[in-house]
Each structure stands twice: as C-alpha cells, then as structure tokens.
Amino acid sequence: PVDVVTSGVLFSSYAVVFKCRKIVIKHFSDALCNWIDQPSHTHILYDSFTIFTVHFADNTCSFSLQLLVKNLQFDGKMIAAAQYFRSGSSAAVELTEEEKTFAEQMRVTASILSNVSQIEDSTDFFKSGAASMDVVRLVEEVKLRASSCQLQNEDVYMNTTFQDFIQMCVRKLRGEDDEEELVVDYVEKTINNMTIKIPHQLFINGEFVDAEGGKTCKTINPTDGTAICDVSLAQISDVDKAVAAAKEAFEEGEWGKMNPRDRGRLIYKLADLMEQHQEELATIEAIDSGAVYTLTFRYFAGWCDKIQGSTIPINQARPNRNLTFTKKEPIGVCAIVIPWNYPLMMLAWKTAACLGAGNTVVLKPAQVTPLTALKFAELAARAGLPKGVLNILPGSGALVGQRLSDHPDVRKLGFTGSTEIGKHIMKSCAVSNVKKVSLELGGKSPLIIFSDCDLDKAVLHTFGMSSVFFNKGENCIAAGRLFVEDTIHDQFVKKVVEEVKKMKIGDPLDRSTDHGPQNHKAHLDKLVEYCQTGVKEGATLVYGGKQVQRPGFFFEPTVFTDVQDHMYIAKEESFGPVMIISNDVDDVLRRANATEYGLASGVFTRDISKALYVSERLDAGTVFVNTYNKTDVAAPFGGFKQSGFGKDLGQDALNEYLKTKAVTIEY
C-alpha cells in the first residue's frame, strides 16, 4: 500500500484535502458536512480507505487520521495502490494449450452478459453492463473449473477486460500473481529413508523470522537424547507482533471479508497439502515427540459455509411488528496453547475449528515439541492462507503463554494442559479483558471391568491401542485407575502381564515398535518417582516401574495391583505407561466419581442395562462402553469438574470459536 503522511485543511465547501507523499487524494464526506454544525462533539467516521477522528469546538475543526490506500479507480478500472507508481503492467504471458482451453471455456461463461453478442479479448465486463451478481457467477465458475485458482470478486474489478481477466487467472494458476515467495531457512535431516525439511524460526504475519534478540533453545530427540536443532524462542515483543498481525488480518485483511465457502476451500487445500506431506509430518512428529497424528481439517472445512443463526419469535410491539434473528460470528484473534503429548493432533483439533469459524490464530506449541507446528505453518502459507491468519510462537509458557493470556487484543484462548496451569490461565484471562476460555485439563479416568465382560476384549483394549499404554501413557484420557471385579482379577492381571512382556520397546520410526520413549527427561524422572511412591505406600508392583537401560527417555510399561483409595497413585495422574488396578467393584460408582477430575471413563460388561446405568452415573465428559480411547472428529470431546470445560471436535468445538449476536428489527 502507498505509504502516506497526512495533514488536513477545512475549506468552506467542506472538502477535506489529505496531502500524501507523492499523491493528493480529495475526499468528500456527506457525514462530515452533516455534523459540522454540532459543537464540542467527537465523531469517528469510517469509509473504505480512511479512519479518522474529527473534533468540533468554537467553529473550528481539528482531526487526526490514519490513511491506508488499498485500491485506486481510474475510468471504471480498479488497481492496487501499491502498483500506482510502477511503470506499466507486466508483459502478457503466453498461454499453453491447456490454458487456451481454459480461456475458451471462460469465454463461454463470460457470455452471460446479455447485451454482448460475442466476448472479445478487449471486451470490458462493466462497460458491457455486468453487475455484481455477474461477478459472483464468474468467480464461482473459475473455482469450479480450476479449484487451485484462489479468486476473489475484487480480482474481477481489477481486471475488467476479458484478456486481463484471463491473464490474471493464468498467473494465479502458475503461482505468478505477485505474491511474495515464502522464504524458509530449513534444517535438513535424512531420517527414515527420506530427507525432511524442518522450519525452525517463529512464523509471524506470513514470514519465518528470528525471535527478538535471536533467542533460541534446543529441541531434543527423546529416542536418543540428542539435539535435533535450535528453535527460535519467542519473546514478549514477538507475541505483540503476532497478535497485531492476527488482528489486522481479521479486521482489515482478506480473511475477514472472505466468503465462508472460499475459506473452506483454503482449509481443504491445507488438508490436501498435509496429506501430501504426511510421511514427513509423521517423521518430524516421531523424532520430536515419539507420536503420530490425526487430521481434522477436512471435517471443519465442510462446516465453514454451514454456520448459521436462527429466527426467533418474540412478543410484538403492537401495532408494529418485530423480527428477531441471531447470527453466529467469529470471535476475532484467538490464542491456542497446546501440550507436548500430541503436538500435531492437538494443533489440528483446535486450529481447524478456530479457522473454520473464521478467526485468526496465534498458537504456542509446547517448548519441547515445536517442530510439527512450524512445518504446519509452512504448509498453511503454501495453501494460500493470507498473512496474519496463522502465527506460530515456540516459547516458554511463563513468557509467551502468559502474554497471550494477558493480551487485550486476544478475545479467546483455548488451552490443553495441566489443571494447575489451566487455573492460572483462567484467572489471567478474567483479569485482563474477560476473554472467552476453553480448557481441556488433567484426568484420572476410571475404567470398570465387570466379571460378565468379554475378558479377552477387555485385556486387548486395556493393554493395546487403548486405555493405558497407548502413546506411552502420555494420553489425557488414559484409564488412570482400573476397578476389576474380584472373580476375574487374577486372571485379568495374568493376561495383561503376558501381553506387556511381548511389547517391543524401541525407536518410534520402526513400524514394529510397540512402546516408544517418554517425551522428555523431566517427565521420565517424574514417572520413576511416581512408581517409587506407589511401592512405598504398599501397592504391589507386578511389572516394570523403572527406566529402560538404553539411550533415550524410555520407561518400562508398569502394572500395580492392590491399590487402595487413599494412596497417591490412586488419586494422582501419572501421564505415563502405568496401570493402576484395584481388585474389587464394591461401591464402584462412588469411588470412580470420588475425584476432582472428569475427563473420561469406561465400562466393560455384556449386560447392556448395566452399561447404560453405569454410563449415566459416571461423572465424566466421555464414557466408553466395551471400547476405549475411541475418539472421532465428529464427536465432541471435553471434561467435567477440574478436567476443564468447553469442547474439542464436532460441532460443539466450532461453537467454542463463535459468538452469537441477536438482531431485533421493528417494522
């Protein structure tokens, strides 16, 4: 945009002249004329390219303004202001045969102009009578014929002849539409029979940049304890820059004005790119955290154009009548803070819903697992998300997370992490500007196994890809305590230990590995201490409980029995591969609910009446019956009590990032 420095003079004709560098723009405002006679009053006037404050007192006028000229119009044609001083337009591109076919198809489409017998290259749409609906139809037709061409209605107004329009479309399809090239300073590594390219800088306003002062920290591979690379460490000034970029993108940028269907197309394109790079993403995730990921972007991309309000009957103001309706609107700048156990999956769960609702995002990944978030930022930029819509800030929670909680321009914060930190965030968000908050916090999920269950299935879901050992136990909904009916207790424990002994511990990049490393050294040390406490309190350590003697942060799958209600390990979450078993189900519902957590729960029984009875009385946000850990992008996920509030996934997640406005009209 043209860089302008402004000053103003009030003439008797009420024309305001803005003197700018290299250019003078004369702007008349009817509103200004109407308000001239009102003394001692302040008015804020808005139009398409000015925002200024006018103050009237003693028959004089003073004003301050900020002027951003985005487009200029000459003889019915609009041009970008930034192009005004450039000498001429770029040379015409020569079309390939495929592009010529596309042009002829569009020539047929453009014949919707009823008063033009034939569309020539020189035909000007608007001088030939095109209206706004013709523009909409033309843009939609281009998207149908060339989905990769991200076109806005404004592009037609800036390329009014058929020839210019085709040239513009072709340049966009070729990626030559004057967009700045994304510059990425990669760290390259050859791993898993492939070369992966890892961004390592902050991502702010569409660019990878160093942190203020060049601050960095090392991110560690938990498989062997070696450093992967140095990653930029965001400072408070970086947070402020990212929030400012997100705010501008929402309030002034293309994203805030975009048709919801077009927004959905961009998110679909991002999902396509993530699928194309899935091996690279999975490999980065494995070396950074030891886990793989799930995608949710396609689901929420489909929701973009289905966000709608309702019409509400209210008491009429007789003799007049009323119409009341609601609108669902995006909140604005949203902060997202995600944990280290599922870096990319947690990013997807929250960011997909946030973007689908039309917000802009500043995301802080966990300091120990930032790499897949930065790779995601690269793919988002290549998918065409406008600058400022997505910003990624690796850094400490005490600095970056705290500033996001306190920032007055952040209107929503979504957090997944510990209950202790969640409480602190909630307090900061309340004190700063009462920002909307959703919290997915800790858990100590009970799993009740009755004697009438399918025992083999219960063992499979408990041991295998489900309740306890999934993702090395670093799973917020892991079954933190098992209640097993006496008559099957010993048999159940025997079968579980037999299966645990078969588990292969090793490199998560090896497809035959069952159990990878814990995420980082501090967490490994915490698990060792947790198990030592269990033994001291009198629980029976049946298997495991120690660090594996090999390089990296590996911990043995662990099984405790004879765990009593008063013990530390019965009440507190391990967040690791530790199975806690109590060998009775007497008064089980009271005991299962006797916790401040309420994230998930489960029951195994063949008796459907018993299953429904128990599921109704378990005080948890999710109840699994004869299965465990079965989440789906369409099903809401979130906890009760000190496990937090608000939902990820499903339509409920979308509503977390929307606000409802009621409009009442009297007629």
Foldseek 3Di string as FASTA:
>chain_A
DADFDFDWDQDPVRWTWTDTVPDIDIDHDPVCVVCLPPAQDWDWDDDDWWTKIWHHHPSDIHIDIDGDQQWDDDPQAIDGPVCVPPDDDDDFDDDDPVLVVVLVVLQVLLPVLVQDPGADQFDFSVVSPDDLVSLVSSVVVLCVVPVLQLDDSVLCSNQGGSNSSSSCSVCSSVVNNPDDDADADWDWDCPLNRIATWGAAWAAQNHGDAAVVNDWDFAAFQQFGDTPDIHHAHFLVNLVRLLVLQQCCCPPNPLVVDDLLSLLSLLVLLVVVCVVCQVNLQVLLCRQFNGHADAQQNVLSVCSNVQAKAWDDDDQPPPWGKTKIKHKAFQEEEEEEEERLHQVHSCRLQVSLQSSRRYAYEYEYELNRQTSVRVSSVSSVVSPDGTSRYTYHYHHCVGNVLSLLQPLSHQEYEYEEALVVVVVSCVSNCVRHVHHYFYQHAAQAEEEEEPQFPLVLVLCQLQACFAFCNSQLLDRRHNLEYEYAQVCVVVSVVVNVVVLVPAAEHRSSPPNHRHYAGRDDVLLVLQLVLLVQCVVVPWDWPDFSAADPDRGHRGRQTETEPDDLVGPSNADGSSGNYYHYYHHCVVVLCSSQPHQWAFEYEYGHPDVVVRVVSVVSRQHPYYYYSHGPDDDQQDWGHTDGSSTDFTTHHPSSSSSRIDMDMDMDID
